[in-house]
C-alpha atoms as a PDB file:
ATOM      1  CA  MET A   1     -16.006 -26.197 -52.537  1.00  0.00           C
ATOM      2  CA  GLN A   2     -17.020 -24.929 -49.151  1.00  0.00           C
ATOM      3  CA  TYR A   3     -14.899 -22.353 -47.242  1.00  0.00           C
ATOM      4  CA  PRO A   4     -14.311 -22.481 -43.655  1.00  0.00           C
ATOM      5  CA  ALA A   5     -16.148 -19.559 -41.488  1.00  0.00           C
ATOM      6  CA  LEU A   6     -12.856 -18.171 -40.288  1.00  0.00           C
ATOM      7  CA  LEU A   7     -11.637 -17.672 -43.783  1.00  0.00           C
ATOM      8  CA  VAL A   8     -14.507 -16.000 -44.832  1.00  0.00           C
ATOM      9  CA  ASP A   9     -14.482 -13.711 -41.608  1.00  0.00           C
ATOM     10  CA  VAL A  10     -10.915 -12.769 -42.369  1.00  0.00           C
ATOM     11  CA  THR A  11     -11.563 -11.897 -46.049  1.00  0.00           C
ATOM     12  CA  ILE A  12     -14.121  -9.594 -45.092  1.00  0.00           C
ATOM     13  CA  PHE A  13     -11.983  -7.853 -42.337  1.00  0.00           C
ATOM     14  CA  VAL A  14      -9.222  -7.472 -44.457  1.00  0.00           C
ATOM     15  CA  LEU A  15     -11.665  -5.746 -47.324  1.00  0.00           C
ATOM     16  CA  ALA A  16     -13.211  -3.536 -44.878  1.00  0.00           C
ATOM     17  CA  LEU A  17      -9.818  -2.381 -43.773  1.00  0.00           C
ATOM     18  CA  TRP A  18      -8.753  -1.754 -47.262  1.00  0.00           C
ATOM     19  CA  VAL A  19     -11.897   0.147 -48.114  1.00  0.00           C
ATOM     20  CA  GLY A  20     -11.813   2.263 -44.718  1.00  0.00           C
ATOM     21  CA  PHE A  21      -8.205   3.235 -45.653  1.00  0.00           C
ATOM     22  CA  GLU A  22      -9.113   4.047 -48.952  1.00  0.00           C
ATOM     23  CA  VAL A  23     -12.099   6.393 -48.128  1.00  0.00           C
ATOM     24  CA  ILE A  24     -10.378   8.091 -45.294  1.00  0.00           C
ATOM     25  CA  SER A  25      -7.135   8.835 -47.319  1.00  0.00           C
ATOM     26  CA  LYS A  26      -9.351  10.685 -49.981  1.00  0.00           C
ATOM     27  CA  VAL A  27     -10.525  13.263 -47.229  1.00  0.00           C
ATOM     28  CA  PRO A  28      -8.719  16.577 -47.356  1.00  0.00           C
ATOM     29  CA  ALA A  29      -6.663  17.238 -44.016  1.00  0.00           C
ATOM     30  CA  THR A  30      -8.842  20.258 -43.104  1.00  0.00           C
ATOM     31  CA  LEU A  31     -11.853  18.205 -43.012  1.00  0.00           C
ATOM     32  CA  HIS A  32     -10.398  15.246 -41.263  1.00  0.00           C
ATOM     33  CA  THR A  33     -10.646  16.244 -37.781  1.00  0.00           C
ATOM     34  CA  PRO A  34     -14.424  17.786 -37.769  1.00  0.00           C
ATOM     35  CA  LEU A  35     -15.607  14.715 -39.609  1.00  0.00           C
ATOM     36  CA  MET A  36     -13.715  12.101 -37.388  1.00  0.00           C
ATOM     37  CA  SER A  37     -14.872  13.699 -34.216  1.00  0.00           C
ATOM     38  CA  ALA A  38     -18.508  13.509 -34.943  1.00  0.00           C
ATOM     39  CA  ALA A  39     -18.106   9.777 -36.566  1.00  0.00           C
ATOM     40  CA  ASN A  40     -16.209   8.538 -33.596  1.00  0.00           C
ATOM     41  CA  SER A  41     -19.673   8.800 -31.359  1.00  0.00           C
ATOM     42  CA  ILE A  42     -20.814   6.291 -34.231  1.00  0.00           C
ATOM     43  CA  HIS A  43     -18.547   3.790 -32.536  1.00  0.00           C
ATOM     44  CA  GLY A  44     -21.048   3.295 -29.765  1.00  0.00           C
ATOM     45  CA  ILE A  45     -22.194   0.459 -32.240  1.00  0.00           C
ATOM     46  CA  VAL A  46     -18.769  -1.210 -31.783  1.00  0.00           C
ATOM     47  CA  LEU A  47     -19.265  -0.823 -27.902  1.00  0.00           C
ATOM     48  CA  ALA A  48     -22.703  -2.810 -28.322  1.00  0.00           C
ATOM     49  CA  GLY A  49     -21.076  -5.259 -30.536  1.00  0.00           C
ATOM     50  CA  ALA A  50     -18.448  -5.897 -27.819  1.00  0.00           C
ATOM     51  CA  MET A  51     -21.330  -6.535 -25.269  1.00  0.00           C
ATOM     52  CA  LEU A  52     -22.800  -9.091 -27.771  1.00  0.00           C
ATOM     53  CA  ILE A  53     -19.522 -10.705 -28.094  1.00  0.00           C
ATOM     54  CA  ALA A  54     -19.284 -10.963 -24.185  1.00  0.00           C
ATOM     55  CA  VAL A  55     -22.897 -12.457 -23.943  1.00  0.00           C
ATOM     56  CA  THR A  56     -22.279 -15.396 -26.417  1.00  0.00           C
ATOM     57  CA  ALA A  57     -18.661 -15.924 -25.204  1.00  0.00           C
ATOM     58  CA  ASN A  58     -18.467 -19.355 -23.682  1.00  0.00           C
ATOM     59  CA  ASN A  59     -14.618 -19.480 -22.914  1.00  0.00           C
ATOM     60  CA  ALA A  60     -11.987 -17.142 -21.356  1.00  0.00           C
ATOM     61  CA  VAL A  61     -10.487 -16.136 -24.954  1.00  0.00           C
ATOM     62  CA  GLY A  62     -14.082 -14.678 -25.794  1.00  0.00           C
ATOM     63  CA  TYR A  63     -14.336 -12.773 -22.633  1.00  0.00           C
ATOM     64  CA  VAL A  64     -10.747 -11.393 -23.141  1.00  0.00           C
ATOM     65  CA  ILE A  65     -11.796 -10.213 -26.896  1.00  0.00           C
ATOM     66  CA  ALA A  66     -14.891  -8.810 -25.716  1.00  0.00           C
ATOM     67  CA  PHE A  67     -13.093  -6.749 -22.604  1.00  0.00           C
ATOM     68  CA  ILE A  68     -10.374  -5.503 -25.176  1.00  0.00           C
ATOM     69  CA  ALA A  69     -13.083  -4.539 -27.909  1.00  0.00           C
ATOM     70  CA  ALA A  70     -15.312  -2.698 -25.254  1.00  0.00           C
ATOM     71  CA  ALA A  71     -12.156  -0.744 -23.884  1.00  0.00           C
ATOM     72  CA  PHE A  72     -11.360   0.168 -27.501  1.00  0.00           C
ATOM     73  CA  ALA A  73     -14.613   1.381 -28.386  1.00  0.00           C
ATOM     74  CA  ALA A  74     -15.124   3.182 -25.139  1.00  0.00           C
ATOM     75  CA  ALA A  75     -11.982   4.907 -25.559  1.00  0.00           C
ATOM     76  CA  ASN A  76     -12.864   5.770 -29.166  1.00  0.00           C
ATOM     77  CA  VAL A  77     -16.503   7.387 -28.285  1.00  0.00           C
ATOM     78  CA  VAL A  78     -14.527   9.530 -25.359  1.00  0.00           C
ATOM     79  CA  GLY A  79     -12.044  10.550 -27.635  1.00  0.00           C
ATOM     80  CA  GLY A  80     -14.393  11.662 -30.236  1.00  0.00           C
ATOM     81  CA  TYR A  81     -16.202  13.968 -27.684  1.00  0.00           C
ATOM     82  CA  VAL A  82     -12.955  15.366 -26.029  1.00  0.00           C
ATOM     83  CA  VAL A  83     -11.796  16.394 -29.595  1.00  0.00           C
ATOM     84  CA  THR A  84     -15.404  17.894 -30.471  1.00  0.00           C
ATOM     85  CA  GLY A  85     -15.190  19.834 -27.025  1.00  0.00           C
ATOM     86  CA  ARG A  86     -11.736  21.015 -28.070  1.00  0.00           C
ATOM     87  CA  MET A  87     -12.695  22.224 -31.437  1.00  0.00           C
ATOM     88  CA  LEU A  88     -15.896  24.075 -29.857  1.00  0.00           C
ATOM     89  CA  LYS A  89     -13.630  25.745 -27.450  1.00  0.00           C
ATOM     90  CA  MET A  90     -11.573  27.246 -30.329  1.00  0.00           C
ATOM     91  CA  PHE A  91     -14.731  29.254 -31.403  1.00  0.00           C
ATOM     92  CA  LYS A  92     -15.402  30.899 -28.051  1.00  0.00           C
ATOM     93  CA  ARG A  93     -14.600  34.685 -27.634  1.00  0.00           C
ATOM     94  CA  ARG A  94     -11.275  35.369 -25.689  1.00  0.00           C
ATOM     95  CA  PRO A  95     -11.555  38.226 -23.224  1.00  0.00           C
ATOM     96  CA  ALA A  96     -10.264  41.480 -24.608  1.00  0.00           C
ATOM     97  CA  ILE A  97      -6.843  42.049 -23.809  1.00  0.00           C
ATOM     98  CA  PRO A  98      -6.135  45.800 -23.037  1.00  0.00           C
ATOM     99  CA  SER A  99      -3.592  47.701 -25.276  1.00  0.00           C
ATOM    100  CA  PRO A 100      -0.436  48.998 -23.582  1.00  0.00           C
ATOM    101  CA  GLY A 101      -1.932  52.885 -24.376  1.00  0.00           C
ATOM    102  CA  ASP A 102      -5.037  51.929 -22.187  1.00  0.00           C
ATOM    103  CA  ALA A 103      -3.048  51.063 -18.870  1.00  0.00           C
ATOM    104  CA  PRO A 104      -2.213  54.600 -17.694  1.00  0.00           C
ATOM    105  CA  ALA A 105      -5.864  55.736 -17.944  1.00  0.00           C
ATOM    106  CA  ALA A 106      -7.130  52.754 -16.111  1.00  0.00           C
ATOM    107  CA  VAL A 107      -4.367  53.404 -13.304  1.00  0.00           C
ATOM    108  CA  ASN A 108      -5.521  57.335 -13.095  1.00  0.00           C
ATOM    109  CA  ALA A 109      -9.158  56.285 -12.997  1.00  0.00           C
ATOM    110  CA  ALA A 110      -8.583  53.871 -10.288  1.00  0.00           C
ATOM    111  CA  ALA A 111      -6.191  56.360  -8.252  1.00  0.00           C
ATOM    112  CA  ASN A 112      -9.039  59.032  -8.625  1.00  0.00           C
ATOM    113  CA  GLY A 113     -11.897  56.744  -7.545  1.00  0.00           C
ATOM    114  CA  SER A 114     -13.763  56.964 -10.807  1.00  0.00           C
ATOM    115  CA  SER A 115     -15.319  53.904 -12.068  1.00  0.00           C
ATOM    116  CA  ARG A 116     -15.060  55.334 -15.809  1.00  0.00           C
ATOM    117  CA  LYS A 117     -11.946  55.124 -17.861  1.00  0.00           C
ATOM    118  CA  GLY A 118     -10.590  58.600 -18.598  1.00  0.00           C
ATOM    119  CA  THR A 119     -12.477  60.576 -16.207  1.00  0.00           C
ATOM    120  CA  ALA A 120     -10.926  62.391 -13.095  1.00  0.00           C
ATOM    121  CA  THR A 121     -13.103  63.591 -10.089  1.00  0.00           C
END
Protein backbone atom coordinates (compact mmCIF):
# COMPACT_ATOMS: atom_id res chain seq x y z
CA MET A 1 0.00 0.00 0.00
CA GLN A 2 1.44 3.33 -1.08
CA TYR A 3 0.53 6.58 0.72
CA PRO A 4 0.24 9.86 -1.13
CA ALA A 5 3.08 12.29 -0.54
CA LEU A 6 0.73 14.90 0.92
CA LEU A 7 -0.43 12.54 3.68
CA VAL A 8 3.16 11.76 4.63
CA ASP A 9 4.06 15.47 4.66
CA VAL A 10 1.05 16.34 6.83
CA THR A 11 1.89 13.51 9.24
CA ILE A 12 5.47 14.72 9.60
CA PHE A 13 4.25 18.29 10.11
CA VAL A 14 1.78 17.28 12.85
CA LEU A 15 4.40 15.14 14.61
CA ALA A 16 6.90 18.02 14.47
CA LEU A 17 4.32 20.35 15.99
CA TRP A 18 3.59 17.88 18.77
CA VAL A 19 7.27 17.24 19.59
CA GLY A 20 8.05 20.97 19.51
CA PHE A 21 5.20 21.75 21.87
CA GLU A 22 6.27 19.02 24.28
CA VAL A 23 9.89 20.20 24.32
CA ILE A 24 9.03 23.89 24.80
CA SER A 25 6.44 23.20 27.50
CA LYS A 26 9.12 21.54 29.67
CA VAL A 27 11.33 24.67 29.73
CA PRO A 28 11.01 26.71 32.97
CA ALA A 29 9.59 30.22 32.56
CA THR A 30 12.83 31.85 33.75
CA LEU A 31 14.80 30.23 30.92
CA HIS A 32 12.23 30.58 28.16
CA THR A 33 13.02 34.13 27.03
CA PRO A 34 16.84 33.80 26.93
CA LEU A 35 16.66 30.50 25.10
CA MET A 36 14.08 31.66 22.60
CA SER A 37 15.83 34.94 21.83
CA ALA A 38 18.95 33.04 20.85
CA ALA A 39 17.06 30.28 19.06
CA ASN A 40 15.04 32.69 16.94
CA SER A 41 18.15 33.60 14.98
CA ILE A 42 18.27 29.97 13.87
CA HIS A 43 15.05 30.64 11.98
CA GLY A 44 17.23 32.09 9.25
CA ILE A 45 17.14 28.50 8.00
CA VAL A 46 13.39 28.89 7.57
CA LEU A 47 14.08 32.01 5.54
CA ALA A 48 16.44 30.02 3.31
CA GLY A 49 13.73 27.37 2.93
CA ALA A 50 11.23 30.03 1.90
CA MET A 51 13.64 31.18 -0.79
CA LEU A 52 13.99 27.61 -2.02
CA ILE A 53 10.20 27.33 -2.23
CA ALA A 54 10.12 30.56 -4.23
CA VAL A 55 12.72 29.23 -6.66
CA THR A 56 10.91 25.94 -7.24
CA ALA A 57 7.41 27.47 -7.37
CA ASN A 58 5.70 27.18 -10.72
CA ASN A 59 2.33 28.76 -9.96
CA ALA A 60 0.79 31.64 -8.00
CA VAL A 61 0.01 29.50 -4.94
CA GLY A 62 3.68 28.56 -4.57
CA TYR A 63 4.73 32.20 -4.79
CA VAL A 64 2.15 33.24 -2.18
CA ILE A 65 3.25 30.47 0.20
CA ALA A 66 6.90 31.43 -0.30
CA PHE A 67 6.14 35.08 0.38
CA ILE A 68 4.20 34.29 3.57
CA ALA A 69 6.94 31.92 4.78
CA ALA A 70 9.63 34.52 4.08
CA ALA A 71 7.68 37.26 5.88
CA PHE A 72 7.10 35.11 8.98
CA ALA A 73 10.70 33.90 9.04
CA ALA A 74 12.08 37.42 8.69
CA ALA A 75 9.78 38.69 11.46
CA ASN A 76 10.91 35.85 13.71
CA VAL A 77 14.60 36.54 13.11
CA VAL A 78 14.21 40.28 13.70
CA GLY A 79 12.06 39.65 16.77
CA GLY A 80 14.72 37.37 18.23
CA TYR A 81 17.34 40.07 17.92
CA VAL A 82 15.00 42.71 19.39
CA VAL A 83 14.32 40.52 22.44
CA THR A 84 18.05 39.87 22.86
CA GLY A 85 18.76 43.60 22.66
CA ARG A 86 16.15 44.33 25.31
CA MET A 87 17.56 41.66 27.60
CA LEU A 88 21.11 43.00 27.22
CA LYS A 89 19.86 46.52 27.95
CA MET A 90 18.58 45.29 31.33
CA PHE A 91 22.16 44.52 32.40
CA LYS A 92 23.56 48.01 31.69
CA ARG A 93 24.32 50.19 34.69
CA ARG A 94 21.94 53.05 35.21
CA PRO A 95 23.27 56.48 36.18
CA ALA A 96 23.31 57.09 39.92
CA ILE A 97 20.34 59.08 41.16
CA PRO A 98 21.40 61.65 43.78
CA SER A 99 19.76 61.21 47.13
CA PRO A 100 17.60 64.05 48.49
CA GLY A 101 20.26 64.85 51.13
CA ASP A 102 22.88 65.60 48.45
CA ALA A 103 20.84 68.28 46.70
CA PRO A 104 21.52 71.24 49.09
CA ALA A 105 25.29 70.63 49.03
CA ALA A 106 25.32 70.60 45.25
CA VAL A 107 23.29 73.83 45.11
CA ASN A 108 25.60 75.53 47.64
CA ALA A 109 28.69 74.39 45.72
CA ALA A 110 27.27 75.70 42.44
CA ALA A 111 26.32 79.00 44.06
CA ASN A 112 29.84 79.45 45.44
CA GLY A 113 31.47 78.57 42.14
CA SER A 114 33.11 75.39 43.41
CA SER A 115 33.21 72.27 41.27
CA ARG A 116 33.59 69.92 44.27
CA LYS A 117 30.68 69.01 46.47
CA GLY A 118 30.62 70.52 49.91
CA THR A 119 33.55 72.93 49.50
CA ALA A 120 33.00 76.64 49.73
CA THR A 121 35.40 79.26 48.40
